Amino acid sequence: MAETKTITTPLSDDVIKDLKIGEKVSITGVIYTARDAAHKRLVDLIEQGKELPFDLPGQIIYYVGPAPAKPGFAVGSAGPTSSYRMDAYTPTLIANGLKGMIGKGPRDENVKDAMKEHGAVYFAAVGGAGALISKSIVKAEVIAYPELGAEAVRRMEVKDFPAIVAIDATGDDLYLKGKEAYSIGA
């Protein structure tokens, strides 16, 4: 069984360079949540030269809109959303210091190009495992755009958050390599 790498946030360039597709990781530290409506607002702030609600350099954004918390938990079910919805905004965030993203599904070429140029990594969280993932979220607080409800920007403290490196900083893409490995004639 493959070893799980333990990583902490914020992410450094050295950590990012060592991560390769298919590796299992356990993330501990602070991550932020944002989906497409929040991404648009963040990019608008960058384009206007205004301050963001959190310091972007070295951070990870998790594409999630968690369910309300049950008593004793920081959040309810917190499974990933489809990452392609953030693709139009992600290159700008990466160019401004974002180092990691967590979601599900493939990314477009513009995102991968930005990841290679600026050194960033994309992690896949297992869709359908939201209840399990929520157990690794120790604390969550809304820090921006509360009017977006579940899609508000949250600051989350996580311990042993499970993910897989889906696209590394060299542009290797597990979604493409996986298809190639199982295609006829490969």
Protein backbone atom coordinates (compact mmCIF):
# COMPACT_ATOMS: atom_id res chain seq x y z
CA MET A 1 0.00 0.00 0.00
CA ALA A 2 1.35 3.43 -0.95
CA GLU A 3 2.54 5.70 1.81
CA THR A 4 0.53 8.82 2.62
CA LYS A 5 2.52 12.06 2.65
CA THR A 6 1.72 14.45 5.45
CA ILE A 7 1.73 18.10 4.37
CA THR A 8 0.94 21.28 6.27
CA THR A 9 -0.32 24.63 5.13
CA PRO A 10 0.64 27.11 3.91
CA LEU A 11 2.33 25.20 1.08
CA SER A 12 5.92 25.98 0.17
CA ASP A 13 7.45 25.64 -3.29
CA ASP A 14 9.66 22.80 -1.98
CA VAL A 15 6.64 20.79 -0.85
CA ILE A 16 4.83 21.39 -4.12
CA LYS A 17 7.83 20.30 -6.21
CA ASP A 18 7.98 16.98 -4.34
CA LEU A 19 4.33 16.05 -4.91
CA LYS A 20 3.61 13.69 -7.82
CA ILE A 21 0.35 12.51 -9.35
CA GLY A 22 -1.29 9.56 -7.65
CA GLU A 23 0.29 10.24 -4.27
CA LYS A 24 -1.99 10.19 -1.25
CA VAL A 25 -1.68 13.17 1.06
CA SER A 26 -2.93 14.08 4.50
CA ILE A 27 -3.32 17.85 4.87
CA THR A 28 -3.13 19.61 8.22
CA GLY A 29 -3.44 23.35 8.81
CA VAL A 30 -5.69 26.06 7.42
CA ILE A 31 -7.50 25.83 4.10
CA TYR A 32 -10.12 28.13 2.61
CA THR A 33 -13.36 27.32 0.83
CA ALA A 34 -14.72 29.04 -2.25
CA ARG A 35 -16.90 28.10 -5.18
CA ASP A 36 -17.62 29.89 -8.45
CA ALA A 37 -19.55 32.93 -7.13
CA ALA A 38 -16.86 33.59 -4.52
CA HIS A 39 -14.10 33.02 -7.10
CA LYS A 40 -15.60 35.69 -9.33
CA ARG A 41 -15.63 38.13 -6.42
CA LEU A 42 -12.03 37.32 -5.48
CA VAL A 43 -10.83 37.84 -9.06
CA ASP A 44 -12.80 41.11 -9.27
CA LEU A 45 -10.99 42.33 -6.12
CA ILE A 46 -7.61 41.41 -7.63
CA GLU A 47 -8.45 43.22 -10.88
CA GLN A 48 -9.51 46.30 -8.89
CA GLY A 49 -6.30 46.20 -6.83
CA LYS A 50 -8.27 45.68 -3.61
CA GLU A 51 -7.43 43.52 -0.61
CA LEU A 52 -8.68 39.93 -0.50
CA PRO A 53 -10.46 38.53 2.58
CA PHE A 54 -7.43 36.28 3.24
CA ASP A 55 -3.76 36.20 2.24
CA LEU A 56 -3.58 34.09 -0.91
CA PRO A 57 0.14 33.17 -1.12
CA GLY A 58 0.79 29.54 -0.17
CA GLN A 59 -2.87 28.76 0.48
CA ILE A 60 -5.20 25.95 -0.59
CA ILE A 61 -8.78 26.56 -1.69
CA TYR A 62 -11.25 23.70 -1.28
CA TYR A 63 -14.17 23.74 -3.71
CA VAL A 64 -16.98 22.92 -1.31
CA GLY A 65 -20.28 24.21 0.00
CA PRO A 66 -20.55 22.29 3.28
CA ALA A 67 -23.87 21.25 4.75
CA PRO A 68 -24.88 22.79 8.09
CA ALA A 69 -23.04 21.38 11.10
CA LYS A 70 -24.63 18.88 13.45
CA PRO A 71 -23.97 19.41 17.17
CA GLY A 72 -20.33 18.71 18.01
CA PHE A 73 -19.06 19.13 14.44
CA ALA A 74 -17.45 22.09 12.64
CA VAL A 75 -19.46 21.43 9.44
CA GLY A 76 -21.84 18.90 8.00
CA SER A 77 -21.08 16.80 4.95
CA ALA A 78 -18.28 18.50 3.02
CA GLY A 79 -17.74 16.71 -0.27
CA PRO A 80 -15.95 18.38 -3.19
CA THR A 81 -17.72 20.10 -6.05
CA SER A 82 -16.75 19.86 -9.72
CA SER A 83 -13.63 21.94 -10.25
CA TYR A 84 -14.31 22.96 -13.86
CA ARG A 85 -16.74 25.58 -12.52
CA MET A 86 -13.74 27.52 -11.13
CA ASP A 87 -11.47 27.14 -14.19
CA ALA A 88 -12.18 30.64 -15.60
CA TYR A 89 -10.96 32.27 -12.36
CA THR A 90 -8.25 29.90 -11.16
CA PRO A 91 -5.30 31.08 -13.32
CA THR A 92 -5.62 34.61 -11.86
CA LEU A 93 -5.64 33.23 -8.32
CA ILE A 94 -2.62 31.02 -9.02
CA ALA A 95 -0.75 33.99 -10.53
CA ASN A 96 -1.42 35.82 -7.25
CA GLY A 97 -0.01 33.10 -5.00
CA LEU A 98 -2.58 30.31 -4.66
CA LYS A 99 -0.59 27.07 -4.33
CA GLY A 100 -3.22 24.37 -4.00
CA MET A 101 -6.77 23.50 -4.92
CA ILE A 102 -8.98 20.62 -3.77
CA GLY A 103 -11.94 19.47 -5.83
CA LYS A 104 -13.08 16.72 -8.14
CA GLY A 105 -12.78 16.20 -11.87
CA PRO A 106 -10.37 17.36 -14.56
CA ARG A 107 -9.04 20.91 -15.10
CA ASP A 108 -8.67 22.84 -18.35
CA GLU A 109 -5.37 23.64 -20.07
CA ASN A 110 -5.30 27.27 -18.85
CA VAL A 111 -5.36 26.07 -15.25
CA LYS A 112 -2.65 23.48 -15.88
CA ASP A 113 -0.49 26.06 -17.67
CA ALA A 114 -0.81 28.45 -14.70
CA MET A 115 0.06 25.60 -12.32
CA LYS A 116 3.25 24.84 -14.26
CA GLU A 117 4.22 28.49 -14.60
CA HIS A 118 3.68 29.47 -10.96
CA GLY A 119 4.10 26.16 -9.12
CA ALA A 120 0.76 24.90 -7.85
CA VAL A 121 -0.89 21.53 -7.27
CA TYR A 122 -4.44 20.20 -7.65
CA PHE A 123 -5.71 17.64 -5.18
CA ALA A 124 -8.70 15.39 -5.71
CA ALA A 125 -11.00 14.67 -2.81
CA VAL A 126 -13.31 11.69 -3.10
CA GLY A 127 -16.77 12.68 -4.25
CA GLY A 128 -19.46 10.97 -2.20
CA ALA A 129 -17.23 10.88 0.88
CA GLY A 130 -18.40 14.23 2.28
CA ALA A 131 -19.39 12.85 5.67
CA LEU A 132 -16.00 11.17 6.07
CA ILE A 133 -14.12 14.27 4.91
CA SER A 134 -16.04 16.47 7.35
CA LYS A 135 -14.48 14.53 10.24
CA SER A 136 -11.08 16.02 9.33
CA ILE A 137 -12.43 19.59 9.61
CA VAL A 138 -11.72 20.76 13.14
CA LYS A 139 -13.01 24.33 12.89
CA ALA A 140 -14.82 26.42 10.26
CA GLU A 141 -15.81 30.07 10.20
CA VAL A 142 -17.27 32.26 7.46
CA ILE A 143 -14.80 35.06 6.66
CA ALA A 144 -16.38 36.58 3.53
CA TYR A 145 -19.60 36.74 1.53
CA PRO A 146 -22.02 35.28 4.10
CA GLU A 147 -24.88 36.11 1.74
CA LEU A 148 -23.67 33.21 -0.44
CA GLY A 149 -24.79 30.75 2.25
CA ALA A 150 -23.08 27.38 1.85
CA GLU A 151 -20.85 28.94 -0.82
CA ALA A 152 -19.47 31.69 1.45
CA VAL A 153 -15.70 31.83 1.89
CA ARG A 154 -14.70 29.90 4.99
CA ARG A 155 -11.48 29.53 6.90
CA MET A 156 -11.18 25.88 7.92
CA GLU A 157 -8.75 24.26 10.25
CA VAL A 158 -8.15 20.69 9.10
CA LYS A 159 -6.31 17.72 10.55
CA ASP A 160 -5.40 14.77 8.35
CA PHE A 161 -7.62 15.88 5.44
CA PRO A 162 -7.41 13.03 2.87
CA ALA A 163 -6.68 13.83 -0.78
CA ILE A 164 -4.83 12.54 -3.83
CA VAL A 165 -2.47 14.55 -6.04
CA ALA A 166 -4.44 14.74 -9.30
CA ILE A 167 -2.29 17.28 -11.18
CA ASP A 168 1.21 18.13 -10.04
CA ALA A 169 3.31 21.24 -10.64
CA THR A 170 4.88 19.71 -13.76
CA GLY A 171 1.46 19.36 -15.37
CA ASP A 172 1.25 15.58 -15.03
CA ASP A 173 -2.45 14.80 -14.91
CA LEU A 174 -3.83 11.70 -13.20
CA TYR A 175 -7.09 12.03 -15.12
CA LEU A 176 -5.20 11.69 -18.42
CA LYS A 177 -2.60 9.14 -17.26
CA GLY A 178 -5.32 6.96 -15.78
CA LYS A 179 -7.21 6.85 -19.08
CA GLU A 180 -4.00 6.08 -20.97
CA ALA A 181 -3.12 3.21 -18.63
CA TYR A 182 -6.41 1.47 -19.29
CA SER A 183 -6.93 2.26 -22.95
CA ILE A 184 -6.80 -0.53 -25.51
CA GLY A 185 -3.34 -0.89 -27.02
CA ALA A 186 -1.62 0.98 -24.21
